[in-house]
């Protein structure tokens, strides 16, 4: 005689996991919080003072760059967040994007898009000094942007060059020597934000190594002797620093053998 089978206990259904949030959705949520934090840290005094530094304030909140940098550190690195921040069009959000982006994930196409959006020297220089010069595409962009007729795209070429002299420790002198003709040609550009970036690049090149100092001084002397006001200013101003005792001491220290 068969025993009656016991009724099977009904187990509760396994809880289903919520689908993982997509990076784009995460970035959208994070960008909202980041922009809210920027607005909270803004002040009318800072926004009103931006005009003194030739920074448009129509798309700005009024947040000091030091505060933006600290917010970036608290957020950590995120390529998706950087892209979303840049798309907002807000000045401080774009500054923040340059601090949180991941250089290894930045593409040449992204660099082109962002560069075309530059509308002031501050975002141009910050993007070059904090992000673009750490990408593997930095050197290839300089000759491309140096040909541009747009003032801030052309400035980006020489801001990027100046940034590379500081941050790319592995680059050989030859990589920079090849770019000196671009500096000489652009020194004829009378536009304020171009000639200042050219001067910055020339001074930075001349402080990197004794060989680059020699070549930069030669170029600065040629420019200082020209009739064009922009070239003459770039050359004379660069010579004051490149021939200074402080630069000579720094270069001499670099030549000493390390223990």
C-alpha atoms as a PDB file:
ATOM      1  CA  UNK A   1       0.000   0.000   0.000  1.00  0.00           C
ATOM      2  CA  UNK A   2       1.476   3.333  -1.043  1.00  0.00           C
ATOM      3  CA  UNK A   3       1.949   6.006   1.518  1.00  0.00           C
ATOM      4  CA  UNK A   4       0.206   9.238   0.709  1.00  0.00           C
ATOM      5  CA  UNK A   5       2.730  11.711  -0.617  1.00  0.00           C
ATOM      6  CA  UNK A   6       3.420  14.753   1.498  1.00  0.00           C
ATOM      7  CA  UNK A   7       2.436  18.045  -0.036  1.00  0.00           C
ATOM      8  CA  UNK A   8       5.500  19.986  -1.133  1.00  0.00           C
ATOM      9  CA  UNK A   9       6.166  23.107   0.841  1.00  0.00           C
ATOM     10  CA  UNK A  10       5.791  26.207  -1.217  1.00  0.00           C
ATOM     11  CA  UNK A  11       9.001  28.182  -1.115  1.00  0.00           C
ATOM     12  CA  UNK A  12       8.776  31.942  -1.456  1.00  0.00           C
ATOM     13  CA  UNK A  13       9.905  33.138  -4.864  1.00  0.00           C
ATOM     14  CA  UNK A  14      13.511  34.305  -5.086  1.00  0.00           C
ATOM     15  CA  UNK A  15      13.764  38.058  -4.984  1.00  0.00           C
ATOM     16  CA  UNK A  16      14.589  39.481  -8.361  1.00  0.00           C
ATOM     17  CA  UNK A  17      17.415  41.978  -8.605  1.00  0.00           C
ATOM     18  CA  UNK A  18      16.652  45.390  -9.929  1.00  0.00           C
ATOM     19  CA  UNK A  19      18.326  45.927 -13.274  1.00  0.00           C
ATOM     20  CA  UNK A  20      21.660  47.710 -12.972  1.00  0.00           C
ATOM     21  CA  UNK A  21      21.478  51.379 -13.772  1.00  0.00           C
ATOM     22  CA  UNK A  22      22.966  52.265 -17.114  1.00  0.00           C
ATOM     23  CA  UNK A  23      25.999  54.594 -17.101  1.00  0.00           C
ATOM     24  CA  UNK A  24      24.000  57.277 -18.915  1.00  0.00           C
ATOM     25  CA  UNK A  25      21.286  57.134 -16.254  1.00  0.00           C
ATOM     26  CA  UNK A  26      23.860  57.292 -13.478  1.00  0.00           C
ATOM     27  CA  UNK A  27      25.548  60.274 -15.134  1.00  0.00           C
ATOM     28  CA  UNK A  28      22.203  62.046 -15.490  1.00  0.00           C
ATOM     29  CA  UNK A  29      21.468  61.625 -11.799  1.00  0.00           C
ATOM     30  CA  UNK A  30      24.996  62.583 -10.778  1.00  0.00           C
ATOM     31  CA  UNK A  31      25.085  65.649 -12.998  1.00  0.00           C
ATOM     32  CA  UNK A  32      21.928  66.933 -11.336  1.00  0.00           C
ATOM     33  CA  UNK A  33      23.521  66.604  -7.918  1.00  0.00           C
ATOM     34  CA  UNK A  34      26.777  68.156  -9.127  1.00  0.00           C
ATOM     35  CA  UNK A  35      25.032  71.174 -10.658  1.00  0.00           C
ATOM     36  CA  UNK A  36      22.959  71.598  -7.497  1.00  0.00           C
ATOM     37  CA  UNK A  37      26.181  71.627  -5.446  1.00  0.00           C
ATOM     38  CA  UNK A  38      27.721  74.214  -7.763  1.00  0.00           C
ATOM     39  CA  UNK A  39      24.680  76.451  -7.414  1.00  0.00           C
ATOM     40  CA  UNK A  40      24.832  76.094  -3.626  1.00  0.00           C
ATOM     41  CA  UNK A  41      28.484  77.207  -3.586  1.00  0.00           C
ATOM     42  CA  UNK A  42      27.922  80.167  -5.926  1.00  0.00           C
ATOM     43  CA  UNK A  43      28.000  83.844  -5.001  1.00  0.00           C
ATOM     44  CA  UNK A  44      26.928  87.007  -6.757  1.00  0.00           C
ATOM     45  CA  UNK A  45      30.257  88.629  -5.889  1.00  0.00           C
ATOM     46  CA  UNK A  46      32.193  85.924  -7.744  1.00  0.00           C
ATOM     47  CA  UNK A  47      29.884  86.091 -10.748  1.00  0.00           C
ATOM     48  CA  UNK A  48      30.084  89.888 -10.937  1.00  0.00           C
ATOM     49  CA  UNK A  49      33.880  89.717 -10.731  1.00  0.00           C
ATOM     50  CA  UNK A  50      34.217  87.406 -13.716  1.00  0.00           C
ATOM     51  CA  UNK A  51      33.955  90.322 -16.141  1.00  0.00           C
ATOM     52  CA  UNK A  52      37.246  91.707 -14.816  1.00  0.00           C
ATOM     53  CA  UNK A  53      38.948  88.572 -16.107  1.00  0.00           C
ATOM     54  CA  UNK A  54      37.181  88.534 -19.478  1.00  0.00           C
ATOM     55  CA  UNK A  55      35.083  85.483 -18.564  1.00  0.00           C
ATOM     56  CA  UNK A  56      31.464  85.587 -19.818  1.00  0.00           C
ATOM     57  CA  UNK A  57      29.017  85.200 -16.939  1.00  0.00           C
ATOM     58  CA  UNK A  58      25.750  84.670 -18.814  1.00  0.00           C
ATOM     59  CA  UNK A  59      26.061  80.870 -18.374  1.00  0.00           C
ATOM     60  CA  UNK A  60      27.874  80.984 -15.033  1.00  0.00           C
ATOM     61  CA  UNK A  61      26.775  80.576 -11.420  1.00  0.00           C
ATOM     62  CA  UNK A  62      29.699  82.349  -9.784  1.00  0.00           C
ATOM     63  CA  UNK A  63      31.835  79.612  -8.200  1.00  0.00           C
ATOM     64  CA  UNK A  64      35.602  80.062  -7.590  1.00  0.00           C
ATOM     65  CA  UNK A  65      37.821  77.598  -9.444  1.00  0.00           C
ATOM     66  CA  UNK A  66      39.305  76.316  -6.190  1.00  0.00           C
ATOM     67  CA  UNK A  67      35.849  75.303  -5.011  1.00  0.00           C
ATOM     68  CA  UNK A  68      35.110  73.621  -8.349  1.00  0.00           C
ATOM     69  CA  UNK A  69      38.338  71.652  -8.054  1.00  0.00           C
ATOM     70  CA  UNK A  70      37.460  70.495  -4.531  1.00  0.00           C
ATOM     71  CA  UNK A  71      34.023  69.352  -5.710  1.00  0.00           C
ATOM     72  CA  UNK A  72      35.769  67.421  -8.481  1.00  0.00           C
ATOM     73  CA  UNK A  73      37.983  65.634  -5.953  1.00  0.00           C
ATOM     74  CA  UNK A  74      34.973  64.637  -3.878  1.00  0.00           C
ATOM     75  CA  UNK A  75      33.180  63.257  -6.947  1.00  0.00           C
ATOM     76  CA  UNK A  76      36.105  61.210  -8.245  1.00  0.00           C
ATOM     77  CA  UNK A  77      36.824  60.299 -11.858  1.00  0.00           C
ATOM     78  CA  UNK A  78      33.965  59.511 -14.235  1.00  0.00           C
ATOM     79  CA  UNK A  79      34.065  59.836 -18.011  1.00  0.00           C
ATOM     80  CA  UNK A  80      30.269  59.556 -18.301  1.00  0.00           C
ATOM     81  CA  UNK A  81      29.740  62.290 -15.727  1.00  0.00           C
ATOM     82  CA  UNK A  82      32.242  64.554 -17.495  1.00  0.00           C
ATOM     83  CA  UNK A  83      30.411  64.207 -20.808  1.00  0.00           C
ATOM     84  CA  UNK A  84      27.072  64.951 -19.147  1.00  0.00           C
ATOM     85  CA  UNK A  85      28.458  67.958 -17.291  1.00  0.00           C
ATOM     86  CA  UNK A  86      29.898  69.413 -20.472  1.00  0.00           C
ATOM     87  CA  UNK A  87      26.554  69.115 -22.268  1.00  0.00           C
ATOM     88  CA  UNK A  88      24.869  71.393 -19.709  1.00  0.00           C
ATOM     89  CA  UNK A  89      26.698  74.375 -21.185  1.00  0.00           C
ATOM     90  CA  UNK A  90      27.236  75.959 -17.754  1.00  0.00           C
ATOM     91  CA  UNK A  91      30.682  77.465 -17.258  1.00  0.00           C
ATOM     92  CA  UNK A  92      31.349  75.863 -13.875  1.00  0.00           C
ATOM     93  CA  UNK A  93      29.906  72.511 -14.955  1.00  0.00           C
ATOM     94  CA  UNK A  94      32.330  72.462 -17.889  1.00  0.00           C
ATOM     95  CA  UNK A  95      35.211  73.375 -15.617  1.00  0.00           C
ATOM     96  CA  UNK A  96      34.177  70.520 -13.342  1.00  0.00           C
ATOM     97  CA  UNK A  97      34.043  68.172 -16.342  1.00  0.00           C
ATOM     98  CA  UNK A  98      37.746  68.766 -17.013  1.00  0.00           C
ATOM     99  CA  UNK A  99      38.581  67.755 -13.423  1.00  0.00           C
ATOM    100  CA  UNK A 100      36.522  64.541 -13.303  1.00  0.00           C
ATOM    101  CA  UNK A 101      37.112  63.134 -16.790  1.00  0.00           C
ATOM    102  CA  UNK A 102      39.383  60.140 -17.341  1.00  0.00           C
ATOM    103  CA  UNK A 103      42.232  61.077 -19.728  1.00  0.00           C
ATOM    104  CA  UNK A 104      42.656  57.538 -21.064  1.00  0.00           C
ATOM    105  CA  UNK A 105      39.028  57.507 -22.220  1.00  0.00           C
ATOM    106  CA  UNK A 106      39.093  60.895 -23.926  1.00  0.00           C
ATOM    107  CA  UNK A 107      38.941  60.513 -27.703  1.00  0.00           C
ATOM    108  CA  UNK A 108      40.275  62.848 -30.411  1.00  0.00           C
ATOM    109  CA  UNK A 109      36.664  63.496 -31.445  1.00  0.00           C
ATOM    110  CA  UNK A 110      35.748  64.597 -27.931  1.00  0.00           C
ATOM    111  CA  UNK A 111      38.723  66.947 -27.855  1.00  0.00           C
ATOM    112  CA  UNK A 112      37.565  68.491 -31.120  1.00  0.00           C
ATOM    113  CA  UNK A 113      33.994  68.944 -29.863  1.00  0.00           C
ATOM    114  CA  UNK A 114      35.019  70.521 -26.604  1.00  0.00           C
ATOM    115  CA  UNK A 115      37.613  72.732 -28.259  1.00  0.00           C
ATOM    116  CA  UNK A 116      34.976  74.155 -30.619  1.00  0.00           C
ATOM    117  CA  UNK A 117      32.924  75.070 -27.549  1.00  0.00           C
ATOM    118  CA  UNK A 118      35.680  77.172 -25.956  1.00  0.00           C
ATOM    119  CA  UNK A 119      34.423  80.733 -25.547  1.00  0.00           C
ATOM    120  CA  UNK A 120      36.879  82.086 -22.982  1.00  0.00           C
ATOM    121  CA  UNK A 121      40.512  81.662 -21.968  1.00  0.00           C
ATOM    122  CA  UNK A 122      39.745  80.082 -18.578  1.00  0.00           C
ATOM    123  CA  UNK A 123      37.895  77.015 -19.827  1.00  0.00           C
ATOM    124  CA  UNK A 124      40.392  76.675 -22.691  1.00  0.00           C
ATOM    125  CA  UNK A 125      43.433  76.708 -20.419  1.00  0.00           C
ATOM    126  CA  UNK A 126      41.872  74.519 -17.738  1.00  0.00           C
ATOM    127  CA  UNK A 127      40.851  71.846 -20.236  1.00  0.00           C
ATOM    128  CA  UNK A 128      44.353  71.817 -21.705  1.00  0.00           C
ATOM    129  CA  UNK A 129      46.238  71.924 -18.394  1.00  0.00           C
ATOM    130  CA  UNK A 130      44.019  69.555 -16.395  1.00  0.00           C
ATOM    131  CA  UNK A 131      42.887  67.028 -18.997  1.00  0.00           C
ATOM    132  CA  UNK A 132      43.937  67.245 -22.650  1.00  0.00           C
ATOM    133  CA  UNK A 133      47.683  67.199 -21.974  1.00  0.00           C
ATOM    134  CA  UNK A 134      47.283  63.866 -20.195  1.00  0.00           C
ATOM    135  CA  UNK A 135      45.640  62.145 -23.155  1.00  0.00           C
ATOM    136  CA  UNK A 136      47.575  60.147 -25.775  1.00  0.00           C
ATOM    137  CA  UNK A 137      46.341  62.539 -28.478  1.00  0.00           C
ATOM    138  CA  UNK A 138      47.816  65.768 -27.136  1.00  0.00           C
ATOM    139  CA  UNK A 139      50.811  66.270 -29.444  1.00  0.00           C
ATOM    140  CA  UNK A 140      48.827  65.493 -32.590  1.00  0.00           C
ATOM    141  CA  UNK A 141      46.244  68.192 -31.814  1.00  0.00           C
ATOM    142  CA  UNK A 142      48.711  71.074 -31.538  1.00  0.00           C
ATOM    143  CA  UNK A 143      49.521  71.527 -35.266  1.00  0.00           C
ATOM    144  CA  UNK A 144      45.843  71.060 -36.164  1.00  0.00           C
ATOM    145  CA  UNK A 145      44.560  73.691 -33.764  1.00  0.00           C
ATOM    146  CA  UNK A 146      47.442  76.070 -34.514  1.00  0.00           C
ATOM    147  CA  UNK A 147      46.003  76.492 -38.036  1.00  0.00           C
ATOM    148  CA  UNK A 148      42.557  77.487 -36.797  1.00  0.00           C
ATOM    149  CA  UNK A 149      41.094  80.936 -37.413  1.00  0.00           C
ATOM    150  CA  UNK A 150      39.043  80.687 -34.218  1.00  0.00           C
ATOM    151  CA  UNK A 151      40.753  82.646 -31.430  1.00  0.00           C
ATOM    152  CA  UNK A 152      40.198  80.125 -28.649  1.00  0.00           C
ATOM    153  CA  UNK A 153      40.885  77.043 -30.753  1.00  0.00           C
ATOM    154  CA  UNK A 154      44.198  78.567 -31.764  1.00  0.00           C
ATOM    155  CA  UNK A 155      44.875  79.526 -28.170  1.00  0.00           C
ATOM    156  CA  UNK A 156      44.227  75.902 -27.203  1.00  0.00           C
ATOM    157  CA  UNK A 157      47.118  74.776 -29.421  1.00  0.00           C
ATOM    158  CA  UNK A 158      49.642  76.797 -27.448  1.00  0.00           C
ATOM    159  CA  UNK A 159      47.994  76.340 -24.049  1.00  0.00           C
ATOM    160  CA  UNK A 160      48.278  72.614 -24.710  1.00  0.00           C
ATOM    161  CA  UNK A 161      51.908  72.957 -25.750  1.00  0.00           C
ATOM    162  CA  UNK A 162      52.717  74.913 -22.578  1.00  0.00           C
ATOM    163  CA  UNK A 163      50.913  72.283 -20.496  1.00  0.00           C
ATOM    164  CA  UNK A 164      52.839  69.421 -22.084  1.00  0.00           C
ATOM    165  CA  UNK A 165      56.177  71.011 -21.205  1.00  0.00           C
ATOM    166  CA  UNK A 166      55.170  70.715 -17.558  1.00  0.00           C
ATOM    167  CA  UNK A 167      53.314  67.405 -17.396  1.00  0.00           C
ATOM    168  CA  UNK A 168      54.814  65.129 -20.052  1.00  0.00           C
ATOM    169  CA  UNK A 169      58.040  64.161 -18.323  1.00  0.00           C
ATOM    170  CA  UNK A 170      58.806  61.370 -20.815  1.00  0.00           C
ATOM    171  CA  UNK A 171      58.713  63.448 -24.011  1.00  0.00           C
ATOM    172  CA  UNK A 172      62.069  64.097 -25.674  1.00  0.00           C
ATOM    173  CA  UNK A 173      63.291  67.573 -26.580  1.00  0.00           C
ATOM    174  CA  UNK A 174      62.896  66.691 -30.252  1.00  0.00           C
ATOM    175  CA  UNK A 175      59.119  66.441 -29.864  1.00  0.00           C
ATOM    176  CA  UNK A 176      59.049  70.073 -28.738  1.00  0.00           C
ATOM    177  CA  UNK A 177      61.697  71.356 -31.158  1.00  0.00           C
ATOM    178  CA  UNK A 178      59.453  70.269 -34.048  1.00  0.00           C
ATOM    179  CA  UNK A 179      56.758  72.633 -32.775  1.00  0.00           C
ATOM    180  CA  UNK A 180      58.905  75.770 -32.521  1.00  0.00           C
ATOM    181  CA  UNK A 181      58.062  76.878 -36.100  1.00  0.00           C
ATOM    182  CA  UNK A 182      54.386  76.938 -35.085  1.00  0.00           C
ATOM    183  CA  UNK A 183      55.260  79.253 -32.208  1.00  0.00           C
ATOM    184  CA  UNK A 184      57.207  81.562 -34.517  1.00  0.00           C
ATOM    185  CA  UNK A 185      54.376  81.764 -37.034  1.00  0.00           C
ATOM    186  CA  UNK A 186      51.624  82.281 -34.459  1.00  0.00           C
ATOM    187  CA  UNK A 187      53.581  85.071 -32.759  1.00  0.00           C
ATOM    188  CA  UNK A 188      52.417  87.340 -35.592  1.00  0.00           C
ATOM    189  CA  UNK A 189      48.780  86.954 -34.495  1.00  0.00           C
ATOM    190  CA  UNK A 190      47.692  90.248 -32.918  1.00  0.00           C
ATOM    191  CA  UNK A 191      44.700  88.808 -31.062  1.00  0.00           C
ATOM    192  CA  UNK A 192      45.170  89.152 -27.323  1.00  0.00           C
ATOM    193  CA  UNK A 193      44.302  85.614 -26.251  1.00  0.00           C
ATOM    194  CA  UNK A 194      46.405  84.078 -29.010  1.00  0.00           C
ATOM    195  CA  UNK A 195      49.591  86.071 -28.509  1.00  0.00           C
ATOM    196  CA  UNK A 196      49.452  85.540 -24.735  1.00  0.00           C
ATOM    197  CA  UNK A 197      49.212  81.768 -25.173  1.00  0.00           C
ATOM    198  CA  UNK A 198      52.080  81.838 -27.696  1.00  0.00           C
ATOM    199  CA  UNK A 199      54.179  83.746 -25.178  1.00  0.00           C
ATOM    200  CA  UNK A 200      53.220  81.238 -22.464  1.00  0.00           C
ATOM    201  CA  UNK A 201      54.260  78.340 -24.679  1.00  0.00           C
ATOM    202  CA  UNK A 202      57.589  79.927 -25.609  1.00  0.00           C
ATOM    203  CA  UNK A 203      58.481  80.671 -21.976  1.00  0.00           C
ATOM    204  CA  UNK A 204      57.472  77.167 -20.906  1.00  0.00           C
ATOM    205  CA  UNK A 205      59.565  75.557 -23.629  1.00  0.00           C
ATOM    206  CA  UNK A 206      62.606  77.550 -22.610  1.00  0.00           C
ATOM    207  CA  UNK A 207      62.347  76.377 -19.010  1.00  0.00           C
ATOM    208  CA  UNK A 208      62.108  72.657 -19.759  1.00  0.00           C
ATOM    209  CA  UNK A 209      65.744  71.859 -20.601  1.00  0.00           C
ATOM    210  CA  UNK A 210      69.042  73.594 -21.445  1.00  0.00           C
ATOM    211  CA  UNK A 211      68.703  72.646 -25.134  1.00  0.00           C
ATOM    212  CA  UNK A 212      65.149  73.959 -25.364  1.00  0.00           C
ATOM    213  CA  UNK A 213      66.222  77.091 -23.513  1.00  0.00           C
ATOM    214  CA  UNK A 214      68.922  77.736 -26.109  1.00  0.00           C
ATOM    215  CA  UNK A 215      66.529  77.259 -29.007  1.00  0.00           C
ATOM    216  CA  UNK A 216      63.746  79.269 -27.349  1.00  0.00           C
ATOM    217  CA  UNK A 217      66.067  82.177 -26.624  1.00  0.00           C
ATOM    218  CA  UNK A 218      67.190  82.187 -30.274  1.00  0.00           C
ATOM    219  CA  UNK A 219      63.560  82.287 -31.382  1.00  0.00           C
ATOM    220  CA  UNK A 220      62.649  84.974 -28.853  1.00  0.00           C
ATOM    221  CA  UNK A 221      65.520  87.143 -30.084  1.00  0.00           C
ATOM    222  CA  UNK A 222      64.322  86.822 -33.677  1.00  0.00           C
ATOM    223  CA  UNK A 223      60.810  87.782 -32.637  1.00  0.00           C
ATOM    224  CA  UNK A 224      62.017  90.708 -30.529  1.00  0.00           C
ATOM    225  CA  UNK A 225      63.800  92.124 -33.589  1.00  0.00           C
ATOM    226  CA  UNK A 226      60.711  92.029 -35.825  1.00  0.00           C
ATOM    227  CA  UNK A 227      58.662  95.049 -36.776  1.00  0.00           C
ATOM    228  CA  UNK A 228      55.279  93.508 -35.975  1.00  0.00           C
ATOM    229  CA  UNK A 229      54.088  94.617 -32.497  1.00  0.00           C
ATOM    230  CA  UNK A 230      52.715  91.207 -31.458  1.00  0.00           C
ATOM    231  CA  UNK A 231      55.867  89.301 -32.396  1.00  0.00           C
ATOM    232  CA  UNK A 232      58.092  91.928 -30.772  1.00  0.00           C
ATOM    233  CA  UNK A 233      56.100  91.759 -27.515  1.00  0.00           C
ATOM    234  CA  UNK A 234      56.135  87.935 -27.444  1.00  0.00           C
ATOM    235  CA  UNK A 235      59.892  87.882 -27.974  1.00  0.00           C
ATOM    236  CA  UNK A 236      60.885  90.622 -25.531  1.00  0.00           C
ATOM    237  CA  UNK A 237      58.629  89.362 -22.762  1.00  0.00           C
ATOM    238  CA  UNK A 238      59.904  85.797 -23.157  1.00  0.00           C
ATOM    239  CA  UNK A 239      63.541  86.910 -23.111  1.00  0.00           C
ATOM    240  CA  UNK A 240      63.131  88.640 -19.757  1.00  0.00           C
ATOM    241  CA  UNK A 241      62.270  85.332 -18.149  1.00  0.00           C
ATOM    242  CA  UNK A 242      64.346  82.915 -20.208  1.00  0.00           C
ATOM    243  CA  UNK A 243      67.547  84.888 -19.598  1.00  0.00           C
ATOM    244  CA  UNK A 244      66.854  85.425 -15.903  1.00  0.00           C
ATOM    245  CA  UNK A 245      69.119  84.134 -13.149  1.00  0.00           C
ATOM    246  CA  UNK A 246      66.324  82.050 -11.640  1.00  0.00           C
ATOM    247  CA  UNK A 247      65.781  80.092 -14.875  1.00  0.00           C
ATOM    248  CA  UNK A 248      69.544  79.637 -15.304  1.00  0.00           C
ATOM    249  CA  UNK A 249      69.783  78.164 -11.785  1.00  0.00           C
ATOM    250  CA  UNK A 250      66.876  75.835 -12.421  1.00  0.00           C
ATOM    251  CA  UNK A 251      68.348  74.523 -15.667  1.00  0.00           C
ATOM    252  CA  UNK A 252      71.767  74.120 -14.107  1.00  0.00           C
ATOM    253  CA  UNK A 253      70.262  72.062 -11.291  1.00  0.00           C
ATOM    254  CA  UNK A 254      68.660  69.733 -13.819  1.00  0.00           C
ATOM    255  CA  UNK A 255      72.023  69.062 -15.428  1.00  0.00           C
ATOM    256  CA  UNK A 256      73.611  67.890 -12.170  1.00  0.00           C
ATOM    257  CA  UNK A 257      73.916  64.125 -11.889  1.00  0.00           C
ATOM    258  CA  UNK A 258      71.587  62.567  -9.328  1.00  0.00           C
ATOM    259  CA  UNK A 259      73.118  60.653  -6.411  1.00  0.00           C
END
